[in-house]
C-alpha atoms as a PDB file:
ATOM      1  CA  MET A   1      20.623  23.169  11.622  1.00  0.00           C
ATOM      2  CA  ARG A   2      17.065  23.230  10.922  1.00  0.00           C
ATOM      3  CA  ARG A   3      15.016  22.584  14.113  1.00  0.00           C
ATOM      4  CA  ARG A   4      12.388  20.159  14.161  1.00  0.00           C
ATOM      5  CA  HIS A   5       8.829  20.904  15.597  1.00  0.00           C
ATOM      6  CA  HIS A   6       6.810  18.228  17.079  1.00  0.00           C
ATOM      7  CA  ALA A   7       2.959  18.642  16.369  1.00  0.00           C
ATOM      8  CA  PRO A   8       0.492  18.636  19.139  1.00  0.00           C
ATOM      9  CA  PRO A   9      -2.008  15.945  18.798  1.00  0.00           C
ATOM     10  CA  SER A  10      -4.832  16.687  16.554  1.00  0.00           C
ATOM     11  CA  PRO A  11      -7.997  18.171  18.043  1.00  0.00           C
ATOM     12  CA  LEU A  12     -10.222  16.671  15.055  1.00  0.00           C
ATOM     13  CA  PRO A  13     -10.971  13.065  14.834  1.00  0.00           C
ATOM     14  CA  GLN A  14     -10.371  10.898  11.675  1.00  0.00           C
ATOM     15  CA  ARG A  15     -13.135  10.729   9.193  1.00  0.00           C
ATOM     16  CA  GLN A  16     -13.621   7.439   7.301  1.00  0.00           C
ATOM     17  CA  GLY A  17     -10.027   6.315   8.635  1.00  0.00           C
ATOM     18  CA  ILE A  18      -8.144   9.387   7.172  1.00  0.00           C
ATOM     19  CA  ASP A  19      -6.393  11.978   9.211  1.00  0.00           C
ATOM     20  CA  PRO A  20      -7.206  15.711   8.996  1.00  0.00           C
ATOM     21  CA  VAL A  21      -4.735  17.916   7.002  1.00  0.00           C
ATOM     22  CA  ARG A  22      -2.277  19.346   9.465  1.00  0.00           C
ATOM     23  CA  LEU A  23      -0.585  22.813   8.735  1.00  0.00           C
ATOM     24  CA  ARG A  24       2.099  24.876  10.670  1.00  0.00           C
ATOM     25  CA  LEU A  25       1.855  28.490   9.949  1.00  0.00           C
ATOM     26  CA  PRO A  26       5.447  30.128   8.874  1.00  0.00           C
ATOM     27  CA  VAL A  27       7.343  31.813  11.611  1.00  0.00           C
ATOM     28  CA  GLU A  28       7.938  34.577   9.287  1.00  0.00           C
ATOM     29  CA  GLY A  29       4.925  35.967   7.637  1.00  0.00           C
ATOM     30  CA  ALA A  30       2.914  39.215   7.368  1.00  0.00           C
ATOM     31  CA  TRP A  31      -0.746  37.913   6.707  1.00  0.00           C
ATOM     32  CA  PRO A  32      -3.174  39.677   8.841  1.00  0.00           C
ATOM     33  CA  THR A  33      -5.418  36.601   9.334  1.00  0.00           C
ATOM     34  CA  VAL A  34      -5.282  32.893   9.033  1.00  0.00           C
ATOM     35  CA  ARG A  35      -7.777  33.035   6.337  1.00  0.00           C
ATOM     36  CA  ALA A  36      -5.687  35.672   4.376  1.00  0.00           C
ATOM     37  CA  TYR A  37      -2.665  33.035   4.766  1.00  0.00           C
ATOM     38  CA  LEU A  38      -4.706  29.980   3.353  1.00  0.00           C
ATOM     39  CA  ALA A  39      -5.981  31.967   0.482  1.00  0.00           C
ATOM     40  CA  ASP A  40      -2.621  33.004  -0.446  1.00  0.00           C
ATOM     41  CA  ARG A  41      -0.707  29.831   0.077  1.00  0.00           C
ATOM     42  CA  LEU A  42      -3.371  27.386  -1.317  1.00  0.00           C
ATOM     43  CA  PRO A  43      -4.537  29.235  -4.428  1.00  0.00           C
ATOM     44  CA  ALA A  44      -5.978  25.927  -6.093  1.00  0.00           C
ATOM     45  CA  VAL A  45      -8.722  26.164  -3.417  1.00  0.00           C
ATOM     46  CA  PRO A  46     -11.347  28.742  -4.005  1.00  0.00           C
ATOM     47  CA  ALA A  47     -11.069  31.393  -1.110  1.00  0.00           C
ATOM     48  CA  SER A  48     -14.934  30.980  -0.591  1.00  0.00           C
ATOM     49  CA  HIS A  49     -14.374  27.404   0.351  1.00  0.00           C
ATOM     50  CA  PHE A  50     -12.085  28.441   3.276  1.00  0.00           C
ATOM     51  CA  ASP A  51     -14.804  31.139   4.173  1.00  0.00           C
ATOM     52  CA  ALA A  52     -17.301  28.660   4.376  1.00  0.00           C
ATOM     53  CA  MET A  53     -15.229  26.265   6.604  1.00  0.00           C
ATOM     54  CA  LEU A  54     -14.148  29.108   8.859  1.00  0.00           C
ATOM     55  CA  ALA A  55     -17.749  30.115   9.224  1.00  0.00           C
ATOM     56  CA  ALA A  56     -18.848  26.592   9.899  1.00  0.00           C
ATOM     57  CA  GLY A  57     -15.920  26.108  12.511  1.00  0.00           C
ATOM     58  CA  GLU A  58     -14.473  23.362  10.562  1.00  0.00           C
ATOM     59  CA  ILE A  59     -10.632  24.542  10.904  1.00  0.00           C
ATOM     60  CA  HIS A  60      -9.262  24.303  14.196  1.00  0.00           C
ATOM     61  CA  GLY A  61      -6.175  25.605  15.993  1.00  0.00           C
ATOM     62  CA  GLU A  62      -4.770  24.355  19.266  1.00  0.00           C
ATOM     63  CA  ASP A  63      -7.364  26.138  21.238  1.00  0.00           C
ATOM     64  CA  GLY A  64     -10.468  25.330  19.173  1.00  0.00           C
ATOM     65  CA  PRO A  65     -12.292  26.356  16.102  1.00  0.00           C
ATOM     66  CA  LEU A  66     -10.950  29.409  14.192  1.00  0.00           C
ATOM     67  CA  THR A  67     -13.138  32.274  12.832  1.00  0.00           C
ATOM     68  CA  PRO A  68     -12.893  34.186   9.494  1.00  0.00           C
ATOM     69  CA  ASP A  69     -11.214  37.121  11.588  1.00  0.00           C
ATOM     70  CA  THR A  70      -8.675  34.806  13.633  1.00  0.00           C
ATOM     71  CA  PRO A  71      -5.384  36.692  13.520  1.00  0.00           C
ATOM     72  CA  TYR A  72      -2.283  35.202  11.880  1.00  0.00           C
ATOM     73  CA  ARG A  73       0.082  33.945  14.692  1.00  0.00           C
ATOM     74  CA  PRO A  74       3.668  32.684  13.323  1.00  0.00           C
ATOM     75  CA  GLY A  75       4.176  29.032  14.253  1.00  0.00           C
ATOM     76  CA  ALA A  76       0.805  28.048  15.124  1.00  0.00           C
ATOM     77  CA  TRP A  77      -0.789  24.665  14.132  1.00  0.00           C
ATOM     78  CA  LEU A  78      -4.142  24.331  12.456  1.00  0.00           C
ATOM     79  CA  TRP A  79      -6.155  21.235  11.360  1.00  0.00           C
ATOM     80  CA  PHE A  80      -9.020  20.653   8.990  1.00  0.00           C
ATOM     81  CA  HIS A  81     -10.505  17.911   6.969  1.00  0.00           C
ATOM     82  CA  ARG A  82     -10.182  18.245   3.111  1.00  0.00           C
ATOM     83  CA  GLU A  83     -12.915  17.245   0.983  1.00  0.00           C
ATOM     84  CA  LEU A  84     -12.599  13.738  -0.341  1.00  0.00           C
ATOM     85  CA  ALA A  85     -13.459  13.113  -3.988  1.00  0.00           C
ATOM     86  CA  PRO A  86     -15.883  10.160  -4.404  1.00  0.00           C
ATOM     87  CA  GLU A  87     -14.246   6.983  -5.003  1.00  0.00           C
ATOM     88  CA  THR A  88     -15.226   3.791  -6.752  1.00  0.00           C
ATOM     89  CA  PRO A  89     -15.804   1.102  -3.853  1.00  0.00           C
ATOM     90  CA  VAL A  90     -13.448  -2.025  -4.316  1.00  0.00           C
ATOM     91  CA  PRO A  91     -16.159  -4.683  -4.188  1.00  0.00           C
ATOM     92  CA  PHE A  92     -13.895  -7.450  -2.294  1.00  0.00           C
ATOM     93  CA  ALA A  93     -13.507  -8.416   1.339  1.00  0.00           C
ATOM     94  CA  LEU A  94     -10.318  -7.476   3.343  1.00  0.00           C
ATOM     95  CA  ASP A  95      -9.929 -10.369   5.778  1.00  0.00           C
ATOM     96  CA  VAL A  96      -8.256 -10.119   9.246  1.00  0.00           C
ATOM     97  CA  LEU A  97      -6.224 -13.187   9.855  1.00  0.00           C
ATOM     98  CA  TYR A  98      -4.376 -12.233  12.992  1.00  0.00           C
ATOM     99  CA  ARG A  99      -4.486  -9.518  15.716  1.00  0.00           C
ATOM    100  CA  ASP A 100      -2.894  -8.893  18.933  1.00  0.00           C
ATOM    101  CA  GLU A 101      -2.021  -5.922  21.039  1.00  0.00           C
ATOM    102  CA  ARG A 102       0.795  -4.865  18.598  1.00  0.00           C
ATOM    103  CA  LEU A 103       0.178  -6.540  15.127  1.00  0.00           C
ATOM    104  CA  LEU A 104      -2.601  -6.878  12.462  1.00  0.00           C
ATOM    105  CA  VAL A 105      -2.481  -9.238   9.556  1.00  0.00           C
ATOM    106  CA  VAL A 106      -4.813  -9.020   6.913  1.00  0.00           C
ATOM    107  CA  ASP A 107      -5.388 -10.901   3.524  1.00  0.00           C
ATOM    108  CA  LYS A 108      -5.794  -8.048   0.912  1.00  0.00           C
ATOM    109  CA  PRO A 109      -7.770  -8.355  -2.188  1.00  0.00           C
ATOM    110  CA  HIS A 110      -6.643  -7.481  -5.641  1.00  0.00           C
ATOM    111  CA  PHE A 111      -7.338  -3.644  -6.652  1.00  0.00           C
ATOM    112  CA  LEU A 112      -7.355  -2.390  -2.878  1.00  0.00           C
ATOM    113  CA  ALA A 113      -4.388  -0.036  -2.263  1.00  0.00           C
ATOM    114  CA  THR A 114      -2.506  -0.519   1.111  1.00  0.00           C
ATOM    115  CA  THR A 115      -2.245   3.037   1.986  1.00  0.00           C
ATOM    116  CA  PRO A 116      -3.815   6.347   0.595  1.00  0.00           C
ATOM    117  CA  ARG A 117      -2.196   7.713  -2.616  1.00  0.00           C
ATOM    118  CA  GLY A 118      -3.307   9.610  -5.447  1.00  0.00           C
ATOM    119  CA  SER A 119      -6.835   8.945  -6.234  1.00  0.00           C
ATOM    120  CA  HIS A 120      -7.090   6.154  -3.730  1.00  0.00           C
ATOM    121  CA  VAL A 121      -7.691   7.390  -0.321  1.00  0.00           C
ATOM    122  CA  THR A 122     -10.706   5.837   1.542  1.00  0.00           C
ATOM    123  CA  GLU A 123     -10.667   2.882  -0.619  1.00  0.00           C
ATOM    124  CA  THR A 124      -7.605   1.598   0.976  1.00  0.00           C
ATOM    125  CA  ALA A 125      -6.707  -1.049   3.585  1.00  0.00           C
ATOM    126  CA  LEU A 126      -5.403   1.240   5.961  1.00  0.00           C
ATOM    127  CA  ALA A 127      -8.485   3.476   5.887  1.00  0.00           C
ATOM    128  CA  ARG A 128     -11.024   0.650   6.051  1.00  0.00           C
ATOM    129  CA  LEU A 129      -8.980  -0.974   8.866  1.00  0.00           C
ATOM    130  CA  ARG A 130      -8.843   2.136  10.898  1.00  0.00           C
ATOM    131  CA  HIS A 131     -12.484   2.919  10.474  1.00  0.00           C
ATOM    132  CA  ARG A 132     -13.819  -0.489  10.849  1.00  0.00           C
ATOM    133  CA  LEU A 133     -11.646  -1.777  13.935  1.00  0.00           C
ATOM    134  CA  ASP A 134     -11.623   1.621  15.694  1.00  0.00           C
ATOM    135  CA  LEU A 135      -7.608   1.831  15.490  1.00  0.00           C
ATOM    136  CA  PRO A 136      -6.860   5.211  14.578  1.00  0.00           C
ATOM    137  CA  GLU A 137      -2.984   4.843  14.971  1.00  0.00           C
ATOM    138  CA  LEU A 138      -2.777   1.789  12.567  1.00  0.00           C
ATOM    139  CA  SER A 139       0.058   1.946  10.322  1.00  0.00           C
ATOM    140  CA  PRO A 140       1.536  -0.251   7.752  1.00  0.00           C
ATOM    141  CA  ALA A 141       4.884  -2.061   8.369  1.00  0.00           C
ATOM    142  CA  HIS A 142       5.496  -2.409   4.587  1.00  0.00           C
ATOM    143  CA  ARG A 143       3.693  -1.798   1.278  1.00  0.00           C
ATOM    144  CA  LEU A 144       1.806  -4.191  -0.979  1.00  0.00           C
ATOM    145  CA  ASP A 145       0.893  -2.882  -4.556  1.00  0.00           C
ATOM    146  CA  ARG A 146      -2.614  -2.240  -5.205  1.00  0.00           C
ATOM    147  CA  LEU A 147      -2.878  -5.000  -7.856  1.00  0.00           C
ATOM    148  CA  THR A 148      -1.260  -7.504  -5.657  1.00  0.00           C
ATOM    149  CA  ALA A 149      -3.278  -9.677  -3.420  1.00  0.00           C
ATOM    150  CA  GLY A 150      -2.276 -11.432  -0.164  1.00  0.00           C
ATOM    151  CA  LEU A 151      -0.643 -10.693   3.095  1.00  0.00           C
ATOM    152  CA  ALA A 152      -0.075  -7.276   4.674  1.00  0.00           C
ATOM    153  CA  LEU A 153       1.259  -6.587   8.064  1.00  0.00           C
ATOM    154  CA  PHE A 154       0.223  -3.419  10.173  1.00  0.00           C
ATOM    155  CA  VAL A 155       1.188  -2.097  13.347  1.00  0.00           C
ATOM    156  CA  VAL A 156      -1.471  -1.142  16.041  1.00  0.00           C
ATOM    157  CA  HIS A 157       0.526   1.596  17.880  1.00  0.00           C
ATOM    158  CA  PRO A 158       3.211   4.094  16.812  1.00  0.00           C
ATOM    159  CA  ALA A 159       5.441   3.033  19.753  1.00  0.00           C
ATOM    160  CA  HIS A 160       5.988  -0.403  17.986  1.00  0.00           C
ATOM    161  CA  ARG A 161       5.973   1.057  14.393  1.00  0.00           C
ATOM    162  CA  GLY A 162       9.986   1.311  13.972  1.00  0.00           C
ATOM    163  CA  VAL A 163      10.808  -2.124  15.134  1.00  0.00           C
ATOM    164  CA  TYR A 164       8.357  -3.956  12.690  1.00  0.00           C
ATOM    165  CA  GLN A 165       9.111  -1.570   9.843  1.00  0.00           C
ATOM    166  CA  GLY A 166      12.854  -2.392  10.600  1.00  0.00           C
ATOM    167  CA  LEU A 167      12.229  -6.130   9.949  1.00  0.00           C
ATOM    168  CA  PHE A 168      11.548  -5.356   6.454  1.00  0.00           C
ATOM    169  CA  ALA A 169      14.181  -2.687   6.177  1.00  0.00           C
ATOM    170  CA  ASP A 170      16.829  -5.252   7.417  1.00  0.00           C
ATOM    171  CA  ARG A 171      15.421  -8.151   5.331  1.00  0.00           C
ATOM    172  CA  LEU A 172      14.429 -10.098   8.247  1.00  0.00           C
ATOM    173  CA  VAL A 173      11.218 -11.357   6.878  1.00  0.00           C
ATOM    174  CA  HIS A 174      10.804 -14.340   4.871  1.00  0.00           C
ATOM    175  CA  LYS A 175       8.290 -13.549   2.012  1.00  0.00           C
ATOM    176  CA  GLU A 176       6.824 -16.028  -0.472  1.00  0.00           C
ATOM    177  CA  TYR A 177       4.748 -14.935  -3.601  1.00  0.00           C
ATOM    178  CA  GLN A 178       2.744 -17.015  -6.112  1.00  0.00           C
ATOM    179  CA  ALA A 179       2.154 -15.965  -9.670  1.00  0.00           C
ATOM    180  CA  ILE A 180       0.588 -17.430 -12.712  1.00  0.00           C
ATOM    181  CA  ALA A 181       2.732 -16.793 -16.144  1.00  0.00           C
ATOM    182  CA  PRO A 182       3.477 -18.490 -19.105  1.00  0.00           C
ATOM    183  CA  TYR A 183       5.240 -21.717 -18.986  1.00  0.00           C
ATOM    184  CA  ARG A 184       8.585 -22.005 -21.082  1.00  0.00           C
ATOM    185  CA  PRO A 185       9.895 -25.364 -21.047  1.00  0.00           C
ATOM    186  CA  GLU A 186      13.381 -24.075 -22.084  1.00  0.00           C
ATOM    187  CA  LEU A 187      13.849 -21.739 -19.159  1.00  0.00           C
ATOM    188  CA  ALA A 188      16.207 -23.420 -16.569  1.00  0.00           C
ATOM    189  CA  LEU A 189      14.475 -23.141 -13.179  1.00  0.00           C
ATOM    190  CA  PRO A 190      14.962 -22.343 -10.294  1.00  0.00           C
ATOM    191  CA  THR A 191      16.720 -19.376 -11.182  1.00  0.00           C
ATOM    192  CA  THR A 192      17.950 -16.124  -9.152  1.00  0.00           C
ATOM    193  CA  VAL A 193      17.475 -12.660 -10.839  1.00  0.00           C
ATOM    194  CA  ARG A 194      19.651  -9.979  -9.910  1.00  0.00           C
ATOM    195  CA  SER A 195      19.556  -6.493 -11.266  1.00  0.00           C
ATOM    196  CA  HIS A 196      19.511  -2.772 -10.500  1.00  0.00           C
ATOM    197  CA  ILE A 197      15.903  -1.325 -10.471  1.00  0.00           C
ATOM    198  CA  VAL A 198      14.984   2.208 -10.783  1.00  0.00           C
ATOM    199  CA  LYS A 199      11.544   3.528 -10.180  1.00  0.00           C
ATOM    200  CA  GLU A 200      11.087   7.260 -11.017  1.00  0.00           C
ATOM    201  CA  ARG A 201       8.407   9.490  -9.528  1.00  0.00           C
ATOM    202  CA  GLY A 202       5.464  10.037 -11.902  1.00  0.00           C
ATOM    203  CA  ILE A 203       6.465   7.143 -14.300  1.00  0.00           C
ATOM    204  CA  ILE A 204       4.390   4.035 -13.745  1.00  0.00           C
ATOM    205  CA  ALA A 205       6.911   1.499 -14.970  1.00  0.00           C
ATOM    206  CA  ALA A 206      10.276   0.712 -13.248  1.00  0.00           C
ATOM    207  CA  HIS A 207      13.147  -0.157 -15.348  1.00  0.00           C
ATOM    208  CA  GLU A 208      16.440  -1.809 -14.886  1.00  0.00           C
ATOM    209  CA  LEU A 209      20.033  -0.307 -15.373  1.00  0.00           C
ATOM    210  CA  PRO A 210      22.720  -2.459 -16.923  1.00  0.00           C
ATOM    211  CA  ASP A 211      26.345  -2.457 -15.603  1.00  0.00           C
ATOM    212  CA  VAL A 212      25.370  -1.240 -12.267  1.00  0.00           C
ATOM    213  CA  ALA A 213      25.522  -2.935  -8.977  1.00  0.00           C
ATOM    214  CA  PRO A 214      22.220  -5.036  -8.359  1.00  0.00           C
ATOM    215  CA  ASN A 215      19.821  -3.688  -5.664  1.00  0.00           C
ATOM    216  CA  ALA A 216      17.214  -6.295  -6.395  1.00  0.00           C
ATOM    217  CA  GLU A 217      17.103 -10.019  -6.078  1.00  0.00           C
ATOM    218  CA  SER A 218      14.462 -12.503  -6.665  1.00  0.00           C
ATOM    219  CA  ARG A 219      14.379 -16.351  -6.852  1.00  0.00           C
ATOM    220  CA  VAL A 220      11.868 -17.918  -9.235  1.00  0.00           C
ATOM    221  CA  GLU A 221      10.741 -21.601  -8.916  1.00  0.00           C
ATOM    222  CA  LEU A 222       8.348 -23.619 -11.020  1.00  0.00           C
ATOM    223  CA  LEU A 223       5.752 -25.441  -8.835  1.00  0.00           C
ATOM    224  CA  GLU A 224       3.819 -26.946 -11.626  1.00  0.00           C
ATOM    225  CA  HIS A 225       2.600 -26.185 -15.165  1.00  0.00           C
ATOM    226  CA  THR A 226      -0.315 -27.215 -17.356  1.00  0.00           C
ATOM    227  CA  GLY A 227      -2.116 -25.795 -20.423  1.00  0.00           C
ATOM    228  CA  GLY A 228       0.815 -23.585 -21.332  1.00  0.00           C
ATOM    229  CA  LEU A 229       0.701 -21.791 -17.853  1.00  0.00           C
ATOM    230  CA  GLY A 230       2.915 -22.223 -14.965  1.00  0.00           C
ATOM    231  CA  ARG A 231       2.366 -21.741 -11.249  1.00  0.00           C
ATOM    232  CA  TYR A 232       5.535 -20.107  -9.802  1.00  0.00           C
ATOM    233  CA  ARG A 233       6.845 -19.508  -6.399  1.00  0.00           C
ATOM    234  CA  LEU A 234       8.810 -16.324  -6.005  1.00  0.00           C
ATOM    235  CA  LEU A 235      11.180 -15.467  -3.179  1.00  0.00           C
ATOM    236  CA  PRO A 236      12.194 -11.873  -3.147  1.00  0.00           C
ATOM    237  CA  ALA A 237      15.456 -11.128  -1.072  1.00  0.00           C
ATOM    238  CA  THR A 238      14.832  -7.280  -1.533  1.00  0.00           C
ATOM    239  CA  GLY A 239      11.755  -5.236  -1.820  1.00  0.00           C
ATOM    240  CA  ARG A 240      12.007  -2.875  -4.727  1.00  0.00           C
ATOM    241  CA  THR A 241       8.904  -1.442  -6.408  1.00  0.00           C
ATOM    242  CA  HIS A 242       7.555  -3.760  -8.963  1.00  0.00           C
ATOM    243  CA  GLN A 243      10.608  -6.022  -8.451  1.00  0.00           C
ATOM    244  CA  LEU A 244       8.822  -9.470  -9.008  1.00  0.00           C
ATOM    245  CA  ARG A 245       6.753  -8.104 -11.850  1.00  0.00           C
ATOM    246  CA  LEU A 246       9.910  -6.633 -13.709  1.00  0.00           C
ATOM    247  CA  HIS A 247      12.077  -9.777 -13.032  1.00  0.00           C
ATOM    248  CA  MET A 248       9.479 -12.085 -14.305  1.00  0.00           C
ATOM    249  CA  SER A 249       8.816 -10.111 -17.425  1.00  0.00           C
ATOM    250  CA  GLY A 250      12.686 -10.094 -17.993  1.00  0.00           C
ATOM    251  CA  LEU A 251      12.898 -13.820 -17.951  1.00  0.00           C
ATOM    252  CA  GLY A 252      10.194 -13.798 -20.743  1.00  0.00           C
ATOM    253  CA  ILE A 253       7.318 -15.059 -18.397  1.00  0.00           C
ATOM    254  CA  PRO A 254       5.384 -11.793 -17.549  1.00  0.00           C
ATOM    255  CA  ILE A 255       2.762 -12.557 -14.755  1.00  0.00           C
ATOM    256  CA  LEU A 256      -0.701 -12.988 -16.331  1.00  0.00           C
ATOM    257  CA  ASN A 257      -2.688  -9.796 -16.536  1.00  0.00           C
ATOM    258  CA  ASP A 258       0.088  -7.566 -15.608  1.00  0.00           C
ATOM    259  CA  PRO A 259      -0.875  -3.998 -17.162  1.00  0.00           C
ATOM    260  CA  VAL A 260       2.524  -2.565 -16.984  1.00  0.00           C
ATOM    261  CA  TYR A 261       5.139  -5.244 -18.012  1.00  0.00           C
ATOM    262  CA  PRO A 262       6.302  -5.908 -20.454  1.00  0.00           C
ATOM    263  CA  VAL A 263       4.091  -3.073 -21.947  1.00  0.00           C
ATOM    264  CA  VAL A 264       2.079  -0.320 -20.411  1.00  0.00           C
ATOM    265  CA  LEU A 265      -1.466  -0.900 -21.302  1.00  0.00           C
ATOM    266  CA  PRO A 266      -4.032   1.952 -21.294  1.00  0.00           C
ATOM    267  CA  GLU A 267      -5.523   2.791 -17.902  1.00  0.00           C
ATOM    268  CA  ARG A 268      -8.705   0.804 -17.154  1.00  0.00           C
ATOM    269  CA  PRO A 269     -12.043   2.378 -15.876  1.00  0.00           C
ATOM    270  CA  PRO A 270     -12.016   2.659 -12.186  1.00  0.00           C
ATOM    271  CA  ASP A 271     -15.126   0.112 -11.940  1.00  0.00           C
ATOM    272  CA  ASP A 272     -13.317  -2.551 -14.128  1.00  0.00           C
ATOM    273  CA  PHE A 273     -12.247  -5.384 -11.546  1.00  0.00           C
ATOM    274  CA  SER A 274     -11.786  -7.837 -14.085  1.00  0.00           C
ATOM    275  CA  ASP A 275      -8.640  -9.841 -14.929  1.00  0.00           C
ATOM    276  CA  PRO A 276      -6.700  -9.248 -11.734  1.00  0.00           C
ATOM    277  CA  LEU A 277      -2.930  -9.539 -11.729  1.00  0.00           C
ATOM    278  CA  GLN A 278      -2.063 -13.097 -11.078  1.00  0.00           C
ATOM    279  CA  LEU A 279       0.458 -12.312  -8.144  1.00  0.00           C
ATOM    280  CA  LEU A 280      -0.185 -13.296  -4.478  1.00  0.00           C
ATOM    281  CA  ALA A 281       1.745 -12.475  -1.430  1.00  0.00           C
ATOM    282  CA  SER A 282       1.363 -15.916  -0.009  1.00  0.00           C
ATOM    283  CA  VAL A 283       3.619 -16.294   3.179  1.00  0.00           C
ATOM    284  CA  LEU A 284       5.154 -13.899   5.810  1.00  0.00           C
ATOM    285  CA  ALA A 285       7.437 -15.333   8.322  1.00  0.00           C
ATOM    286  CA  PHE A 286       9.608 -13.689  10.889  1.00  0.00           C
ATOM    287  CA  THR A 287      10.900 -13.589  14.555  1.00  0.00           C
ATOM    288  CA  ASP A 288       8.835 -11.098  16.481  1.00  0.00           C
ATOM    289  CA  PRO A 289      11.341  -8.524  17.820  1.00  0.00           C
ATOM    290  CA  VAL A 290       9.217  -7.856  21.124  1.00  0.00           C
ATOM    291  CA  THR A 291       8.276 -11.368  22.118  1.00  0.00           C
ATOM    292  CA  GLY A 292      11.152 -13.396  20.353  1.00  0.00           C
ATOM    293  CA  GLY A 293       8.337 -15.721  18.999  1.00  0.00           C
ATOM    294  CA  LYS A 294       8.253 -17.337  15.749  1.00  0.00           C
ATOM    295  CA  LEU A 295       5.301 -16.176  13.567  1.00  0.00           C
ATOM    296  CA  ARG A 296       4.367 -17.586  10.168  1.00  0.00           C
ATOM    297  CA  PHE A 297       1.300 -16.321   8.197  1.00  0.00           C
ATOM    298  CA  THR A 298      -0.236 -17.930   5.019  1.00  0.00           C
ATOM    299  CA  SER A 299      -2.825 -16.335   2.576  1.00  0.00           C
ATOM    300  CA  ARG A 300      -6.104 -18.006   2.269  1.00  0.00           C
ATOM    301  CA  ARG A 301      -6.516 -16.604  -1.191  1.00  0.00           C
ATOM    302  CA  THR A 302      -5.963 -18.370  -4.478  1.00  0.00           C
ATOM    303  CA  LEU A 303      -5.202 -17.130  -7.930  1.00  0.00           C
ATOM    304  CA  GLY A 304      -8.132 -17.585 -10.269  1.00  0.00           C
ATOM    305  CA  ALA A 305      -6.451 -18.177 -13.429  1.00  0.00           C
ATOM    306  CA  TRP A 306      -4.986 -21.410 -12.218  1.00  0.00           C
ATOM    307  CA  PRO A 307      -7.210 -24.510 -12.807  1.00  0.00           C
ATOM    308  CA  PRO A 308      -8.892 -25.762  -9.600  1.00  0.00           C
ATOM    309  CA  PRO A 309      -8.072 -29.323  -8.507  1.00  0.00           C
ATOM    310  CA  ALA A 310      -9.957 -31.946 -10.234  1.00  0.00           C
ATOM    311  CA  ALA A 311     -12.970 -33.054  -8.317  1.00  0.00           C
ATOM    312  CA  PRO A 312     -12.624 -36.873  -7.024  1.00  0.00           C
ATOM    313  CA  SER A 313     -14.373 -39.365  -9.161  1.00  0.00           C
ATOM    314  CA  PRO A 314     -17.676 -40.681  -7.842  1.00  0.00           C
ATOM    315  CA  ALA A 315     -17.676 -44.156  -5.921  1.00  0.00           C
ATOM    316  CA  GLY A 316     -17.540 -47.040  -8.394  1.00  0.00           C
ATOM    317  CA  GLY A 317     -16.786 -44.739 -11.367  1.00  0.00           C
ATOM    318  CA  PRO A 318     -13.832 -44.505 -13.608  1.00  0.00           C
ATOM    319  CA  ALA A 319     -10.587 -43.497 -11.804  1.00  0.00           C
END
């Protein structure tokens, strides 16, 4: 059985809410120096880059900065900050709705990723919150798609991470979404959609497998309709990637401005924040596993494609 090794705490602080890279040197290896190991095992990075970092004391071991001549020590840990590519700022506020010693609930805007992934690293909810609130150990209890706005729950300390993530894994969180999509008068609603969803790594669109036991379930309710559009309440019983978007598309009412379902559209420029996906995580409710108290959170955001309420008539004017 492979033995797990627990890393010591990092000697380097986060930068912009991002942890340093952590590496453990292989137990079996014949490299003369740490520099030789890095140049050999990370060939995509020019060796001159490691030379400059070592000369500047930017690569640390457990006992402090390493030098260009630091000998290779099997099993040793090292840390360094990778160079982050420039990112287009997401020009929308990330609002904190609730905070205590264990939990943080935010109202996320469209286009902001929840956690670092791919080209979205510093422009993520997690990095912003860690940096802004000085909460270096903050972690997400669940994941909200980058294109979806609304409620996201974070855990302040690692000691509580498991119990709150477990709420989502065990389906003990009541989640409600709102969506704007075409209105189809012939569609019988409410309805519950069940299917088997598969999301393959590296492929943007998920797909459904017929004749396979369902692993995803969503209830779809029509709240109101006007002008060919409907405002829907979506109640997912499971949390598969793109589940609501795929189920709505399968009903023939794809969510407005969805760039993936039913057809994958060309990727937008990174500075194009127009036409956000009309999907909002509007409610989170659960029993706190630590205190036993009932918690319910409601998003303050609205979906821009839905007509605003009509202004009241002036006094004495026509009704």
